[in-house]
Amino acid sequence: MTTTRLKIPSILTLTLLPFTLGLPLVEGCSTPADEDSEDSAVTGDAGENDAASGGDGAEDDDGGGGDDDDSGGGSGGGDNGTTHEMLSVQGIYDYVIDNDVDNVSDLLGALPRSMGGSFVLMENSRSRHLADLDHPRLIMYGLDSRFIMSAGGVPEDPLYEVIEMAELDADTGEWIFRALDFQSDPPALGDSDASCQGCHGNPVRPIWGNYPDWPGAFGENENDLTGPQSEALSAMNETQGSSERYHHLLLPDGDLYLPSRAYGYANTAFNFELTVAQADGLVTRMMAADDWDTRKYDIVSGKWCDGTNGSAEDVMRGLGLDGSNDFQLHSPIFEASGDGYEEFDFNQGSTGLLDVVVFRVIDRIVSTDPEMAEALSAVEPRRTEWITHWFDLRGDAREAWIGEFDLYEWDLRPQELLPAAQADMCAYLDNR
């Protein structure tokens, strides 16, 4: 299916929520105290950073986006061994050990095509991995950014044979960062993310740039490649068959518009997927709090109604979240700042992380409260369709949806959908 390459209008971002421009690059960062440590945390790349870093030096990256066999500019893409279900830290490690995989290149070649279909490239990186224009750092975010992998592209990099992974634990809502080191025999999997906390916070979380700026990335401003980046991408296509790092990718030709995604702007698509994944994790964490069942309504009221029992941000703090640590994905923790709304700011492109978290909270309430569901009838079935496709689709079904995605139909904008039900919703919450 061919779709128009519609970009999200910049003016939309300016009117929807504040965002920070020109942040220092923090991809794969190390705090000053960690820089001399072999175990120093690897951080994400673009924007201020990169998504994820791995425990024991692992970075995160999620598998690539779905696509058909005939979609793709490059010759890469594999499905030589792993499946969607195996894309987890433990699943990858088990595959490596069971199949005697002893280098990064062979592991990349064994990944599902979906992993090579959704990725970003870092020309400059503050992660532990080295990167340059001709050997960019690779971050694969897959079908939904719930599992992320990254690899360095510079052959002289001491960590060239180290893969970094990040996985969102569906049960706890927390991220697991790990590094898989092929310099050991057999390859060694890190057992902790403690060394990542200096950049990625505690609990750890990915780092990736605020739309529409991803410093250090190919297409760092609104996904537009520079002249040298365009030339480097063309060269990558020409040499892909012999490349150790990029042979498995479904490379675009001419610009960084992923052929595996109907909406193929690589950096923005990462923002889309990562925002939903992080929102889902944060709600899962809040649901584990003792007073979740009573305070969940206050989150919605604090965002959409009179906020009698506090702002949504204040209620979330009471349920264990921290704005700087959990919401500012565009900043390493030592550069995160702000209070009030700004503390909870991450710009997805069409909306903000806070709006998506509250949207998911509403869905969790609706699942057990028929009266709340009735109060939201004015925005059905669109609300349910957004939840189903953005939050719940997995594997082949999500891959098919990504390949047919229409921005006009599926752009996630709860701040524009929910006002139609706001009066009924707030009346119900006020009368509870």
Protein backbone atom coordinates (compact mmCIF):
# COMPACT_ATOMS: atom_id res chain seq x y z
CA MET A 1 0.00 0.00 0.00
CA THR A 2 1.41 3.37 -0.99
CA THR A 3 0.66 6.36 1.19
CA THR A 4 1.47 10.03 1.02
CA ARG A 5 4.52 10.91 3.05
CA LEU A 6 2.68 13.16 5.45
CA LYS A 7 4.81 14.72 8.14
CA ILE A 8 3.32 15.91 11.39
CA PRO A 9 3.08 19.72 11.01
CA SER A 10 5.60 21.46 13.22
CA ILE A 11 2.96 24.00 14.20
CA LEU A 12 1.03 21.18 15.82
CA THR A 13 3.87 20.48 18.15
CA LEU A 14 4.13 24.12 19.06
CA THR A 15 0.47 24.36 19.97
CA LEU A 16 0.04 21.05 21.73
CA LEU A 17 2.82 21.08 24.26
CA PRO A 18 6.17 22.63 25.01
CA PHE A 19 9.32 20.91 23.87
CA THR A 20 12.99 21.47 24.21
CA LEU A 21 15.14 22.21 21.19
CA GLY A 22 18.83 21.75 20.67
CA LEU A 23 19.47 19.60 23.70
CA PRO A 24 22.97 18.27 24.09
CA LEU A 25 23.53 14.88 22.61
CA VAL A 26 23.36 12.16 25.19
CA GLU A 27 23.22 9.00 23.26
CA GLY A 28 24.92 6.34 25.21
CA CYS A 29 26.19 8.58 27.91
CA SER A 30 28.38 8.01 30.89
CA THR A 31 28.25 10.18 33.92
CA PRO A 32 31.62 11.73 34.78
CA ALA A 33 32.07 9.25 37.58
CA ASP A 34 31.44 6.34 35.24
CA GLU A 35 33.62 7.31 32.31
CA ASP A 36 36.62 5.29 33.39
CA SER A 37 34.60 2.23 34.26
CA GLU A 38 34.33 -0.69 31.91
CA ASP A 39 30.81 -1.13 33.21
CA SER A 40 29.73 2.45 32.60
CA ALA A 41 26.19 2.78 31.38
CA VAL A 42 25.50 2.96 27.74
CA THR A 43 22.81 5.36 26.84
CA GLY A 44 20.61 6.02 23.98
CA ASP A 45 21.40 8.16 21.11
CA ALA A 46 19.44 10.85 19.47
CA GLY A 47 17.64 13.83 20.59
CA GLU A 48 19.39 14.17 23.66
CA ASN A 49 20.09 10.66 23.44
CA ASP A 50 19.38 7.31 22.29
CA ALA A 51 16.89 4.91 23.41
CA ALA A 52 18.17 2.61 25.96
CA SER A 53 21.30 1.41 27.23
CA GLY A 54 22.06 -1.91 28.56
CA GLY A 55 22.59 -3.26 31.93
CA ASP A 56 26.18 -4.06 32.46
CA GLY A 57 26.67 -1.78 29.58
CA ALA A 58 23.66 -2.65 27.58
CA GLU A 59 21.66 -0.25 25.57
CA ASP A 60 18.18 -0.76 24.52
CA ASP A 61 16.58 -1.01 21.25
CA ASP A 62 13.52 -2.65 20.06
CA GLY A 63 13.02 -4.86 17.13
CA GLY A 64 12.19 -3.48 13.75
CA GLY A 65 8.90 -2.73 12.11
CA GLY A 66 6.95 -5.19 10.12
CA ASP A 67 6.80 -5.52 6.40
CA ASP A 68 6.18 -7.82 3.49
CA ASP A 69 8.84 -9.73 1.65
CA ASP A 70 8.59 -7.39 -1.31
CA SER A 71 8.78 -4.16 0.64
CA GLY A 72 12.17 -2.72 1.21
CA GLY A 73 14.83 -0.74 -0.47
CA GLY A 74 17.81 -2.82 0.62
CA SER A 75 18.57 -6.48 0.27
CA GLY A 76 18.53 -7.16 3.98
CA GLY A 77 16.01 -8.84 6.20
CA GLY A 78 16.27 -12.27 7.58
CA ASP A 79 13.87 -14.50 9.46
CA ASN A 80 16.70 -17.01 9.60
CA GLY A 81 16.03 -18.28 13.07
CA THR A 82 14.35 -16.07 15.61
CA THR A 83 10.65 -15.23 15.80
CA HIS A 84 8.71 -12.30 17.21
CA GLU A 85 8.10 -14.31 20.38
CA MET A 86 11.83 -14.76 20.97
CA LEU A 87 12.56 -11.05 21.01
CA SER A 88 13.43 -10.63 24.65
CA VAL A 89 16.68 -10.42 26.55
CA GLN A 90 16.45 -14.03 27.66
CA GLY A 91 15.09 -15.22 24.33
CA ILE A 92 17.99 -13.72 22.39
CA TYR A 93 20.53 -15.08 24.83
CA ASP A 94 19.03 -18.56 24.68
CA TYR A 95 19.10 -18.47 20.88
CA VAL A 96 22.76 -17.43 20.88
CA ILE A 97 23.78 -20.21 23.25
CA ASP A 98 21.61 -22.93 21.69
CA ASN A 99 22.86 -22.15 18.18
CA ASP A 100 26.52 -21.41 18.97
CA VAL A 101 26.31 -17.84 17.66
CA ASP A 102 29.68 -16.26 18.37
CA ASN A 103 29.54 -12.80 16.79
CA VAL A 104 27.22 -9.82 16.43
CA SER A 105 26.94 -10.07 12.65
CA ASP A 106 25.55 -13.60 12.74
CA LEU A 107 23.04 -12.66 15.43
CA LEU A 108 21.82 -9.70 13.40
CA GLY A 109 21.40 -11.94 10.37
CA ALA A 110 19.26 -14.35 12.38
CA LEU A 111 16.79 -11.74 13.55
CA PRO A 112 13.24 -11.56 12.16
CA ARG A 113 12.76 -9.19 9.25
CA SER A 114 10.75 -6.96 11.56
CA MET A 115 13.91 -6.13 13.51
CA GLY A 116 15.69 -4.91 10.40
CA GLY A 117 12.67 -2.92 9.30
CA SER A 118 12.43 -0.35 12.09
CA PHE A 119 15.65 1.38 13.03
CA VAL A 120 17.43 4.69 13.46
CA LEU A 121 21.07 5.50 12.68
CA MET A 122 23.35 7.62 14.84
CA GLU A 123 26.16 9.57 13.22
CA ASN A 124 27.24 10.91 16.62
CA SER A 125 26.64 9.07 19.82
CA ARG A 126 27.18 9.56 23.51
CA SER A 127 26.67 5.89 24.18
CA ARG A 128 29.56 3.55 24.85
CA HIS A 129 29.43 2.51 21.19
CA LEU A 130 31.51 4.50 18.72
CA ALA A 131 29.82 6.01 15.68
CA ASP A 132 30.65 8.15 12.66
CA LEU A 133 29.04 9.14 9.38
CA ASP A 134 30.18 6.06 7.48
CA HIS A 135 29.74 3.66 10.41
CA PRO A 136 26.63 4.85 12.28
CA ARG A 137 25.44 3.30 15.46
CA LEU A 138 22.40 1.14 14.81
CA ILE A 139 19.31 1.19 17.03
CA MET A 140 16.50 -1.21 16.14
CA TYR A 141 13.15 -0.61 17.80
CA GLY A 142 11.07 -3.23 16.09
CA LEU A 143 7.34 -3.48 15.97
CA ASP A 144 6.53 -1.60 19.17
CA SER A 145 9.74 -0.48 20.97
CA ARG A 146 9.10 -2.93 23.80
CA PHE A 147 12.33 -4.65 22.86
CA ILE A 148 15.25 -2.59 21.57
CA MET A 149 18.70 -3.61 20.33
CA SER A 150 21.70 -1.49 19.46
CA ALA A 151 25.11 -2.16 17.94
CA GLY A 152 28.16 -0.04 17.19
CA GLY A 153 29.24 0.34 13.57
CA VAL A 154 32.91 1.33 13.89
CA PRO A 155 35.06 -1.81 13.47
CA GLU A 156 37.77 -0.37 15.75
CA ASP A 157 35.25 0.11 18.57
CA PRO A 158 36.35 -1.94 21.62
CA LEU A 159 32.65 -2.79 22.04
CA TYR A 160 32.10 -3.70 18.39
CA GLU A 161 31.20 -7.24 19.46
CA VAL A 162 28.79 -6.13 22.19
CA ILE A 163 25.05 -5.93 21.61
CA GLU A 164 22.92 -3.79 23.92
CA MET A 165 19.31 -4.67 24.65
CA ALA A 166 16.39 -3.11 26.48
CA GLU A 167 13.15 -4.91 27.24
CA LEU A 168 9.96 -3.60 28.82
CA ASP A 169 8.83 -6.13 31.43
CA ALA A 170 5.09 -6.48 30.89
CA ASP A 171 4.55 -7.75 34.44
CA THR A 172 6.36 -5.00 36.35
CA GLY A 173 6.27 -2.12 33.86
CA GLU A 174 10.01 -1.61 34.33
CA TRP A 175 12.77 -1.80 31.74
CA ILE A 176 15.47 -4.45 31.75
CA PHE A 177 18.80 -3.30 30.28
CA ARG A 178 21.44 -5.87 29.42
CA ALA A 179 24.59 -6.19 27.31
CA LEU A 180 25.49 -9.34 25.41
CA ASP A 181 29.26 -9.59 25.00
CA PHE A 182 30.50 -11.79 22.15
CA GLN A 183 34.12 -11.20 23.15
CA SER A 184 33.62 -13.91 25.76
CA ASP A 185 33.41 -17.61 25.00
CA PRO A 186 30.58 -18.39 25.33
CA PRO A 187 28.99 -14.93 24.93
CA ALA A 188 28.29 -13.35 28.31
CA LEU A 189 25.02 -11.70 29.31
CA GLY A 190 25.18 -8.91 31.87
CA ASP A 191 23.24 -9.55 35.07
CA SER A 192 22.45 -6.01 36.22
CA ASP A 193 21.51 -2.55 35.00
CA ALA A 194 23.08 -0.78 37.99
CA SER A 195 25.81 0.74 35.83
CA CYS A 196 23.17 2.29 33.56
CA GLN A 197 21.39 4.25 36.28
CA GLY A 198 23.75 7.23 36.17
CA CYS A 199 22.27 8.18 32.79
CA HIS A 200 19.05 6.19 32.46
CA GLY A 201 17.72 6.78 35.96
CA ASN A 202 16.30 4.42 38.53
CA PRO A 203 14.23 2.61 37.40
CA VAL A 204 16.11 2.74 34.12
CA ARG A 205 14.33 3.93 30.99
CA PRO A 206 15.30 4.60 27.37
CA ILE A 207 16.62 7.93 26.14
CA TRP A 208 15.46 9.34 22.83
CA GLY A 209 14.92 12.82 21.44
CA ASN A 210 11.91 15.10 21.65
CA TYR A 211 10.12 15.49 18.32
CA PRO A 212 11.25 16.97 15.95
CA ASP A 213 14.93 17.10 16.98
CA TRP A 214 17.21 14.11 17.41
CA PRO A 215 20.76 15.50 17.71
CA GLY A 216 23.36 13.14 16.29
CA ALA A 217 20.88 11.03 14.33
CA PHE A 218 20.57 10.64 10.59
CA GLY A 219 17.71 13.04 9.89
CA GLU A 220 18.26 14.81 13.20
CA ASN A 221 15.88 17.66 12.34
CA GLU A 222 12.42 16.63 11.15
CA ASN A 223 13.87 13.43 9.64
CA ASP A 224 15.63 15.37 6.84
CA LEU A 225 19.01 13.92 5.89
CA THR A 226 21.99 16.20 5.36
CA GLY A 227 23.84 15.91 2.07
CA PRO A 228 26.66 13.82 3.60
CA GLN A 229 24.12 11.58 5.38
CA SER A 230 22.27 10.97 2.12
CA GLU A 231 25.55 10.01 0.44
CA ALA A 232 26.45 7.72 3.34
CA LEU A 233 23.07 5.99 3.11
CA SER A 234 23.53 5.46 -0.62
CA ALA A 235 26.97 3.96 0.02
CA MET A 236 25.45 1.73 2.68
CA ASN A 237 22.97 0.41 0.11
CA GLU A 238 25.76 -0.28 -2.39
CA THR A 239 27.87 -2.24 0.08
CA GLN A 240 25.08 -3.81 2.10
CA GLY A 241 25.73 -7.35 0.96
CA SER A 242 29.24 -7.34 2.42
CA SER A 243 28.46 -5.32 5.54
CA GLU A 244 28.82 -6.90 8.97
CA ARG A 245 26.47 -4.41 10.58
CA TYR A 246 23.83 -3.39 8.07
CA HIS A 247 23.36 -6.53 5.93
CA HIS A 248 20.07 -7.43 7.65
CA LEU A 249 18.41 -4.01 7.38
CA LEU A 250 15.53 -3.16 5.04
CA LEU A 251 17.32 -0.05 3.88
CA PRO A 252 15.55 2.87 2.24
CA ASP A 253 17.17 4.43 -0.81
CA GLY A 254 17.63 8.19 -1.01
CA ASP A 255 16.15 9.20 2.32
CA LEU A 256 15.47 7.71 5.73
CA TYR A 257 11.88 6.65 5.00
CA LEU A 258 11.56 3.05 6.16
CA PRO A 259 10.11 0.83 3.43
CA SER A 260 8.67 -1.60 6.00
CA ARG A 261 6.37 1.04 7.50
CA ALA A 262 3.51 2.80 5.73
CA TYR A 263 4.48 5.78 7.89
CA GLY A 264 8.19 5.49 7.38
CA TYR A 265 9.81 8.53 9.01
CA ALA A 266 12.25 6.53 11.10
CA ASN A 267 12.89 8.91 13.99
CA THR A 268 9.27 9.96 14.43
CA ALA A 269 8.07 6.37 14.26
CA PHE A 270 10.43 5.58 17.12
CA ASN A 271 8.83 8.40 19.14
CA PHE A 272 5.38 7.00 18.39
CA GLU A 273 6.22 3.47 19.51
CA LEU A 274 8.40 4.38 22.49
CA THR A 275 5.79 6.75 23.94
CA VAL A 276 3.13 4.04 23.97
CA ALA A 277 5.50 1.46 25.42
CA GLN A 278 6.63 3.80 28.20
CA ALA A 279 3.05 4.87 28.96
CA ASP A 280 1.97 1.25 29.26
CA GLY A 281 4.85 0.52 31.62
CA LEU A 282 4.15 3.54 33.81
CA VAL A 283 0.48 2.61 34.19
CA THR A 284 1.46 -0.96 35.06
CA ARG A 285 3.74 0.39 37.77
CA MET A 286 1.01 2.61 39.20
CA MET A 287 -1.45 -0.29 39.23
CA ALA A 288 0.84 -2.07 41.70
CA ALA A 289 0.39 0.73 44.27
CA ASP A 290 -1.84 -0.01 47.26
CA ASP A 291 -4.14 2.95 46.61
CA TRP A 292 -4.41 2.55 42.84
CA ASP A 293 -8.10 1.61 42.93
CA THR A 294 -9.04 4.87 44.63
CA ARG A 295 -6.51 7.26 43.11
CA LYS A 296 -6.86 6.17 39.47
CA TYR A 297 -9.99 8.31 39.14
CA ASP A 298 -8.09 11.28 40.53
CA ILE A 299 -5.56 11.00 37.69
CA VAL A 300 -8.33 11.48 35.15
CA SER A 301 -10.03 14.20 37.15
CA GLY A 302 -6.74 16.00 37.64
CA LYS A 303 -6.11 16.03 33.89
CA TRP A 304 -9.58 16.49 32.43
CA CYS A 305 -11.85 17.82 35.19
CA ASP A 306 -11.65 20.11 38.22
CA GLY A 307 -8.77 18.27 39.87
CA THR A 308 -10.34 18.51 43.31
CA ASN A 309 -7.99 15.85 44.65
CA GLY A 310 -4.87 17.20 42.98
CA SER A 311 -3.36 17.46 39.53
CA ALA A 312 -2.71 14.34 37.50
CA GLU A 313 0.99 14.91 38.04
CA ASP A 314 0.63 15.10 41.83
CA VAL A 315 -1.47 11.94 41.92
CA MET A 316 1.09 10.09 39.80
CA ARG A 317 3.85 11.14 42.15
CA GLY A 318 1.81 9.71 45.00
CA LEU A 319 1.56 6.44 43.08
CA GLY A 320 5.32 6.19 42.76
CA LEU A 321 6.22 7.96 39.52
CA ASP A 322 8.84 10.66 39.13
CA GLY A 323 8.46 13.22 36.37
CA SER A 324 12.14 13.74 35.67
CA ASN A 325 13.02 10.06 35.76
CA ASP A 326 9.96 8.52 34.14
CA PHE A 327 8.74 11.12 31.66
CA GLN A 328 11.75 13.05 30.40
CA LEU A 329 12.92 10.43 27.95
CA HIS A 330 14.73 13.12 25.99
CA SER A 331 17.19 13.68 28.85
CA PRO A 332 19.67 11.58 30.77
CA ILE A 333 18.69 11.71 34.39
CA PHE A 334 21.52 14.06 35.34
CA GLU A 335 20.21 16.64 32.85
CA ALA A 336 16.48 16.20 33.54
CA SER A 337 14.88 19.22 35.17
CA GLY A 338 11.72 21.21 35.61
CA ASP A 339 8.63 20.97 37.75
CA GLY A 340 4.88 20.91 37.30
CA TYR A 341 3.85 20.15 33.72
CA GLU A 342 7.36 20.58 32.33
CA GLU A 343 8.64 17.82 34.59
CA PHE A 344 6.25 15.42 32.85
CA ASP A 345 7.08 16.49 29.31
CA PHE A 346 8.06 14.23 26.43
CA ASN A 347 6.98 15.20 22.93
CA GLN A 348 5.80 12.24 20.90
CA GLY A 349 5.07 14.39 17.86
CA SER A 350 1.27 14.50 17.90
CA THR A 351 0.78 14.42 21.64
CA GLY A 352 2.71 14.14 24.89
CA LEU A 353 3.64 11.20 27.06
CA LEU A 354 1.48 12.52 29.90
CA ASP A 355 -1.60 12.58 27.66
CA VAL A 356 -0.95 8.99 26.56
CA VAL A 357 -0.48 7.80 30.17
CA VAL A 358 -3.83 9.32 31.18
CA PHE A 359 -5.44 7.81 28.08
CA ARG A 360 -4.24 4.37 29.18
CA VAL A 361 -5.43 5.00 32.75
CA ILE A 362 -8.90 5.76 31.39
CA ASP A 363 -8.86 2.46 29.53
CA ARG A 364 -7.88 0.56 32.67
CA ILE A 365 -10.82 2.17 34.48
CA VAL A 366 -13.25 1.41 31.65
CA SER A 367 -12.28 -2.27 31.72
CA THR A 368 -13.79 -2.67 35.21
CA ASP A 369 -16.29 0.22 35.44
CA PRO A 370 -19.34 0.07 33.11
CA GLU A 371 -20.52 3.51 34.18
CA MET A 372 -17.22 5.06 33.14
CA ALA A 373 -17.53 3.20 29.85
CA GLU A 374 -20.97 4.71 29.34
CA ALA A 375 -19.65 8.18 30.09
CA LEU A 376 -17.15 7.73 27.26
CA SER A 377 -19.66 6.45 24.70
CA ALA A 378 -19.32 9.64 22.65
CA VAL A 379 -15.75 8.72 21.67
CA GLU A 380 -16.39 5.08 20.86
CA PRO A 381 -15.44 3.06 18.92
CA ARG A 382 -12.41 5.24 18.14
CA ARG A 383 -11.08 5.10 21.72
CA THR A 384 -11.20 1.30 21.79
CA GLU A 385 -9.68 1.04 18.32
CA TRP A 386 -6.75 3.22 19.34
CA ILE A 387 -6.16 1.18 22.49
CA THR A 388 -6.37 -2.11 20.59
CA HIS A 389 -3.99 -1.11 17.83
CA TRP A 390 -1.47 1.04 19.68
CA PHE A 391 -1.29 -0.90 22.96
CA ASP A 392 -2.45 -4.46 22.41
CA LEU A 393 -1.45 -5.65 18.93
CA ARG A 394 1.59 -7.92 18.89
CA GLY A 395 3.53 -10.03 16.42
CA ASP A 396 2.18 -10.63 12.92
CA ALA A 397 -1.00 -8.64 13.53
CA ARG A 398 0.98 -5.55 14.51
CA GLU A 399 3.37 -6.05 11.63
CA ALA A 400 0.45 -6.05 9.21
CA TRP A 401 -1.02 -2.89 10.80
CA ILE A 402 2.30 -1.05 10.60
CA GLY A 403 2.54 -1.94 6.93
CA GLU A 404 -0.87 -0.36 6.28
CA PHE A 405 -0.77 2.48 8.83
CA ASP A 406 -2.65 5.62 7.79
CA LEU A 407 -1.62 8.68 9.79
CA TYR A 408 -4.96 10.38 9.17
CA GLU A 409 -6.82 7.47 10.72
CA TRP A 410 -4.48 6.24 13.44
CA ASP A 411 -2.55 9.27 14.66
CA LEU A 412 -2.78 9.02 18.45
CA ARG A 413 -4.19 12.32 19.77
CA PRO A 414 -6.18 11.78 22.96
CA GLN A 415 -6.16 15.52 23.62
CA GLU A 416 -8.31 15.95 20.51
CA LEU A 417 -10.51 12.85 20.93
CA LEU A 418 -11.56 13.03 24.58
CA PRO A 419 -13.12 16.53 24.71
CA ALA A 420 -16.23 15.09 23.02
CA ALA A 421 -16.82 12.98 26.14
CA GLN A 422 -15.34 15.36 28.70
CA ALA A 423 -18.61 16.71 30.12
CA ASP A 424 -20.14 13.26 30.68
CA MET A 425 -16.88 11.83 32.00
CA CYS A 426 -16.35 14.66 34.49
CA ALA A 427 -19.98 14.56 35.60
CA TYR A 428 -19.60 10.88 36.40
CA LEU A 429 -16.33 11.42 38.26
CA ASP A 430 -17.83 14.30 40.26
CA ASN A 431 -20.81 12.15 41.33
CA ARG A 432 -18.84 9.09 42.36
